[in-house]
Amino acid sequence: MQGYYKVTCKEAPEVFMKVIPGHFVTPNSHINYYIDMTTMKSRLSEAQNAAKALAKEYISNTIIDSIVCMDGTEVIGAFLADELTKAGFVTINQHKTIYVVSPEYDLSGQMIFRENMQMMVHEKHVLILLASTTTGRTVTRAAESINYYGGHVVAVSAIFSAATRIGDIPIHSLFSPADLPDYKNYAPDKCDLCKKGVPVDAICNGFGFSRVN
C-alpha cells in the first residue's frame, strides 16, 4: 500500500481529500483507492470548510430539520447545521434550529434510534450525511431506517460518492470518481484485483482502515 496524496475539490479549493492507492475491502465492495478523511472529520478548520461547501447546495431550496451523521461526520454535521442556520434556513422545528443526530447500530448493522432520539427523526425533513459511499447500499439502508421511524429523507450529502442518487434523491458530493479517473469499485465476487492475485491491503469502512498484510 502506497502513501497518500491530496486531491483538491474543484468547487471549493480549500477542501481536499487524501487518497491511498491499493486494494481495499469495504462492507459492500472492493475498491482501488482508500479515501482518508480523518482530519476532515476531526480538524476544526477542515470540517468547517467542508460544511461550507456542502451548505451551498441546500440554502434557500430545501427544508431540513435534522442531519443524521454517519461515518463519524458529527463535526462536519454541526458546522453544516450552523451554516444553514446562519443563512436563515427554513425548518419546521419549534425552536427554529436543526438537530444533529448520530444513530446507533444493532448487531446486524441496522440503524436504530432509541425512544429519546426518535423525536429528532419522526416527521422531520432529514439530510443524511456520510463521509463516503461507493455502491449506495449503506445510504439506502439508512433511508429505509429513517422512513421506518417516520422521518422523510429529503437530501443526501457525502464528501465522496461513487453513487449518484438513491431513488429519486440525488446524492450531493464534493468529490466523485471524476476526481480519480482510474477509480474502480467491484462487487466482492467480481473483483479484477482479486482475479489478478493482487493481495488485499486493508479492510475499511467509514471510520478508517485496518491493514491485513
Protein backbone atom coordinates (compact mmCIF):
# COMPACT_ATOMS: atom_id res chain seq x y z
CA MET A 1 0.00 0.00 0.00
CA GLN A 2 1.49 3.30 -1.10
CA GLY A 3 1.45 6.65 0.70
CA TYR A 4 -1.36 9.14 0.26
CA TYR A 5 -1.66 12.17 -1.96
CA LYS A 6 -4.14 15.07 -1.88
CA VAL A 7 -6.99 15.80 -4.29
CA THR A 8 -8.47 19.31 -4.19
CA CYS A 9 -12.18 20.00 -4.62
CA LYS A 10 -12.83 21.83 -7.90
CA GLU A 11 -15.73 23.84 -6.47
CA ALA A 12 -14.00 24.67 -3.17
CA PRO A 13 -10.19 24.78 -3.40
CA GLU A 14 -9.87 25.00 0.39
CA VAL A 15 -11.31 21.47 0.68
CA PHE A 16 -9.14 18.43 -0.10
CA MET A 17 -9.22 14.69 0.47
CA LYS A 18 -6.34 12.27 0.96
CA VAL A 19 -6.31 9.16 -1.22
CA ILE A 20 -4.23 6.00 -0.94
CA PRO A 21 -3.91 3.62 -3.92
CA GLY A 22 -4.19 -0.10 -3.19
CA HIS A 23 -6.65 -2.96 -2.82
CA PHE A 24 -9.26 -2.33 -0.16
CA VAL A 25 -12.32 -4.22 1.04
CA THR A 26 -15.38 -2.24 2.18
CA PRO A 27 -18.61 -3.70 3.64
CA ASN A 28 -20.17 -3.72 0.14
CA SER A 29 -17.36 -3.75 -2.42
CA HIS A 30 -13.68 -3.87 -3.30
CA ILE A 31 -12.04 -0.58 -4.30
CA ASN A 32 -8.63 0.50 -5.60
CA TYR A 33 -8.39 3.69 -3.53
CA TYR A 34 -8.90 4.33 0.15
CA ILE A 35 -10.10 7.87 0.80
CA ASP A 36 -8.81 9.08 4.14
CA MET A 37 -11.00 11.79 5.69
CA THR A 38 -9.70 11.53 9.23
CA THR A 39 -8.53 15.13 9.52
CA MET A 40 -11.51 16.48 7.57
CA LYS A 41 -13.84 14.90 10.13
CA SER A 42 -11.76 15.89 13.17
CA ARG A 43 -9.83 19.10 12.47
CA LEU A 44 -11.96 22.20 13.03
CA SER A 45 -10.80 24.21 10.01
CA GLU A 46 -11.13 21.31 7.54
CA ALA A 47 -14.55 20.29 8.87
CA GLN A 48 -15.80 23.86 8.65
CA ASN A 49 -14.55 24.27 5.08
CA ALA A 50 -16.26 21.05 4.03
CA ALA A 51 -19.52 22.12 5.69
CA LYS A 52 -19.48 25.50 3.95
CA ALA A 53 -19.03 23.80 0.59
CA LEU A 54 -21.85 21.32 1.26
CA ALA A 55 -24.23 24.01 2.52
CA LYS A 56 -24.24 25.84 -0.82
CA GLU A 57 -26.36 23.06 -2.33
CA TYR A 58 -29.23 23.48 0.12
CA ILE A 59 -29.52 27.12 1.11
CA SER A 60 -32.94 28.52 0.14
CA ASN A 61 -34.21 25.44 -1.69
CA THR A 62 -34.60 22.57 0.81
CA ILE A 63 -36.27 22.29 4.22
CA ILE A 64 -34.02 20.42 6.67
CA ASP A 65 -34.96 19.76 10.29
CA SER A 66 -32.39 17.10 11.19
CA ILE A 67 -28.98 15.99 9.97
CA VAL A 68 -28.25 12.30 10.55
CA CYS A 69 -24.46 11.95 10.70
CA MET A 70 -22.86 8.66 9.67
CA ASP A 71 -19.20 7.57 9.40
CA GLY A 72 -18.09 9.90 12.20
CA THR A 73 -19.17 13.10 10.43
CA GLU A 74 -20.65 14.78 13.53
CA VAL A 75 -18.23 17.74 13.49
CA ILE A 76 -18.97 18.44 9.83
CA GLY A 77 -22.68 17.98 10.56
CA ALA A 78 -22.60 20.55 13.35
CA PHE A 79 -20.87 23.09 11.11
CA LEU A 80 -23.31 22.31 8.31
CA ALA A 81 -26.26 22.96 10.62
CA ASP A 82 -24.60 26.22 11.69
CA GLU A 83 -24.06 27.34 8.09
CA LEU A 84 -27.68 26.63 7.19
CA THR A 85 -28.96 28.36 10.32
CA LYS A 86 -26.86 31.48 9.71
CA ALA A 87 -28.29 31.64 6.19
CA GLY A 88 -31.83 31.87 7.58
CA PHE A 89 -32.60 28.30 6.63
CA VAL A 90 -36.21 27.11 6.85
CA THR A 91 -37.04 24.44 9.45
CA ILE A 92 -40.32 23.28 10.94
CA ASN A 93 -38.73 22.72 14.36
CA GLN A 94 -40.41 24.81 17.04
CA HIS A 95 -37.07 26.17 18.31
CA LYS A 96 -36.06 27.15 14.74
CA THR A 97 -32.79 25.25 14.77
CA ILE A 98 -31.54 21.97 13.32
CA TYR A 99 -30.97 18.68 15.12
CA VAL A 100 -27.61 16.96 14.58
CA VAL A 101 -28.11 13.25 15.25
CA SER A 102 -25.75 10.26 15.46
CA PRO A 103 -27.56 6.93 15.01
CA GLU A 104 -26.92 3.71 16.90
CA TYR A 105 -26.43 0.37 15.18
CA ASP A 106 -27.59 -3.08 16.26
CA LEU A 107 -25.53 -6.27 15.89
CA SER A 108 -26.68 -6.73 12.29
CA GLY A 109 -25.59 -3.19 11.35
CA GLN A 110 -29.14 -1.86 11.18
CA MET A 111 -29.51 1.82 12.13
CA ILE A 112 -31.72 2.34 15.18
CA PHE A 113 -32.97 5.32 17.18
CA ARG A 114 -33.84 4.95 20.86
CA GLU A 115 -37.10 6.42 22.15
CA ASN A 116 -35.42 9.58 23.45
CA MET A 117 -33.92 10.18 19.96
CA GLN A 118 -36.92 9.36 17.82
CA MET A 119 -38.45 12.83 18.14
CA MET A 120 -35.43 14.15 16.22
CA VAL A 121 -36.36 11.99 13.22
CA HIS A 122 -40.14 11.42 13.38
CA GLU A 123 -41.97 13.68 10.91
CA LYS A 124 -38.72 15.58 10.25
CA HIS A 125 -37.12 16.52 6.94
CA VAL A 126 -33.83 14.65 7.19
CA LEU A 127 -30.48 15.13 5.50
CA ILE A 128 -28.21 12.05 5.60
CA LEU A 129 -24.52 13.00 5.86
CA LEU A 130 -21.76 10.48 5.09
CA ALA A 131 -18.02 10.55 4.61
CA SER A 132 -18.16 8.30 1.55
CA THR A 133 -20.35 5.83 -0.29
CA THR A 134 -19.42 3.52 -3.13
CA THR A 135 -22.48 1.46 -4.06
CA GLY A 136 -25.20 3.48 -2.31
CA ARG A 137 -26.37 0.43 -0.34
CA THR A 138 -25.46 1.98 3.01
CA VAL A 139 -27.44 5.10 2.13
CA THR A 140 -30.40 3.01 1.02
CA ARG A 141 -30.44 1.09 4.32
CA ALA A 142 -30.16 4.36 6.25
CA ALA A 143 -33.07 5.88 4.34
CA GLU A 144 -35.19 2.78 4.97
CA SER A 145 -34.48 3.03 8.70
CA ILE A 146 -35.30 6.74 8.83
CA ASN A 147 -38.54 6.09 6.96
CA TYR A 148 -39.37 3.33 9.45
CA TYR A 149 -39.12 5.86 12.30
CA GLY A 150 -41.39 8.28 10.45
CA GLY A 151 -38.75 10.58 9.02
CA HIS A 152 -38.61 11.94 5.48
CA VAL A 153 -35.24 11.83 3.72
CA VAL A 154 -35.05 14.97 1.59
CA ALA A 155 -31.30 15.19 0.93
CA VAL A 156 -28.13 13.11 0.99
CA SER A 157 -24.64 14.59 1.22
CA ALA A 158 -21.27 12.89 1.12
CA ILE A 159 -17.70 14.08 0.90
CA PHE A 160 -17.04 11.41 -1.74
CA SER A 161 -19.67 9.37 -3.57
CA ALA A 162 -19.45 6.92 -6.44
CA ALA A 163 -23.25 6.61 -6.40
CA THR A 164 -25.28 9.50 -7.79
CA ARG A 165 -28.69 9.00 -6.22
CA ILE A 166 -30.91 6.84 -4.06
CA GLY A 167 -34.37 6.51 -5.54
CA ASP A 168 -35.38 9.98 -6.68
CA ILE A 169 -33.00 11.78 -4.30
CA PRO A 170 -29.65 12.90 -5.78
CA ILE A 171 -26.51 12.40 -3.68
CA HIS A 172 -24.67 15.71 -3.43
CA SER A 173 -20.93 15.15 -3.01
CA LEU A 174 -17.82 17.30 -3.05
CA PHE A 175 -15.82 14.59 -4.80
CA SER A 176 -16.76 11.85 -7.27
CA PRO A 177 -14.92 9.23 -9.35
CA ALA A 178 -14.32 12.00 -11.91
CA ASP A 179 -11.72 13.33 -9.44
CA LEU A 180 -9.97 9.93 -9.56
CA PRO A 181 -10.05 8.95 -13.26
CA ASP A 182 -8.86 5.37 -12.64
CA TYR A 183 -11.09 4.79 -9.60
CA LYS A 184 -12.73 1.37 -9.60
CA ASN A 185 -15.18 -0.38 -7.32
CA TYR A 186 -16.12 -4.00 -7.74
CA ALA A 187 -18.70 -6.39 -6.37
CA PRO A 188 -16.83 -8.73 -3.97
CA ASP A 189 -17.26 -11.72 -6.29
CA LYS A 190 -16.26 -9.79 -9.43
CA CYS A 191 -13.12 -8.00 -8.29
CA ASP A 192 -10.50 -7.70 -11.04
CA LEU A 193 -7.79 -7.12 -8.41
CA CYS A 194 -8.62 -10.45 -6.76
CA LYS A 195 -8.65 -12.19 -10.14
CA LYS A 196 -5.17 -10.82 -10.83
CA GLY A 197 -3.93 -12.08 -7.47
CA VAL A 198 -3.38 -8.59 -6.02
CA PRO A 199 -3.37 -9.03 -2.23
CA VAL A 200 -5.82 -7.06 -0.11
CA ASP A 201 -4.06 -4.18 1.67
CA ALA A 202 -6.71 -3.32 4.24
CA ILE A 203 -10.28 -3.73 5.43
CA CYS A 204 -12.01 -0.36 5.60
CA ASN A 205 -15.26 1.42 6.36
CA GLY A 206 -16.35 4.98 7.06
CA PHE A 207 -14.34 5.08 10.29
CA GLY A 208 -10.95 4.00 8.93
CA PHE A 209 -8.92 1.02 7.78
CA SER A 210 -7.05 -1.93 9.27
CA ARG A 211 -4.10 -3.39 7.38
CA VAL A 212 -4.11 -7.10 6.68
CA ASN A 213 -0.50 -7.50 5.50
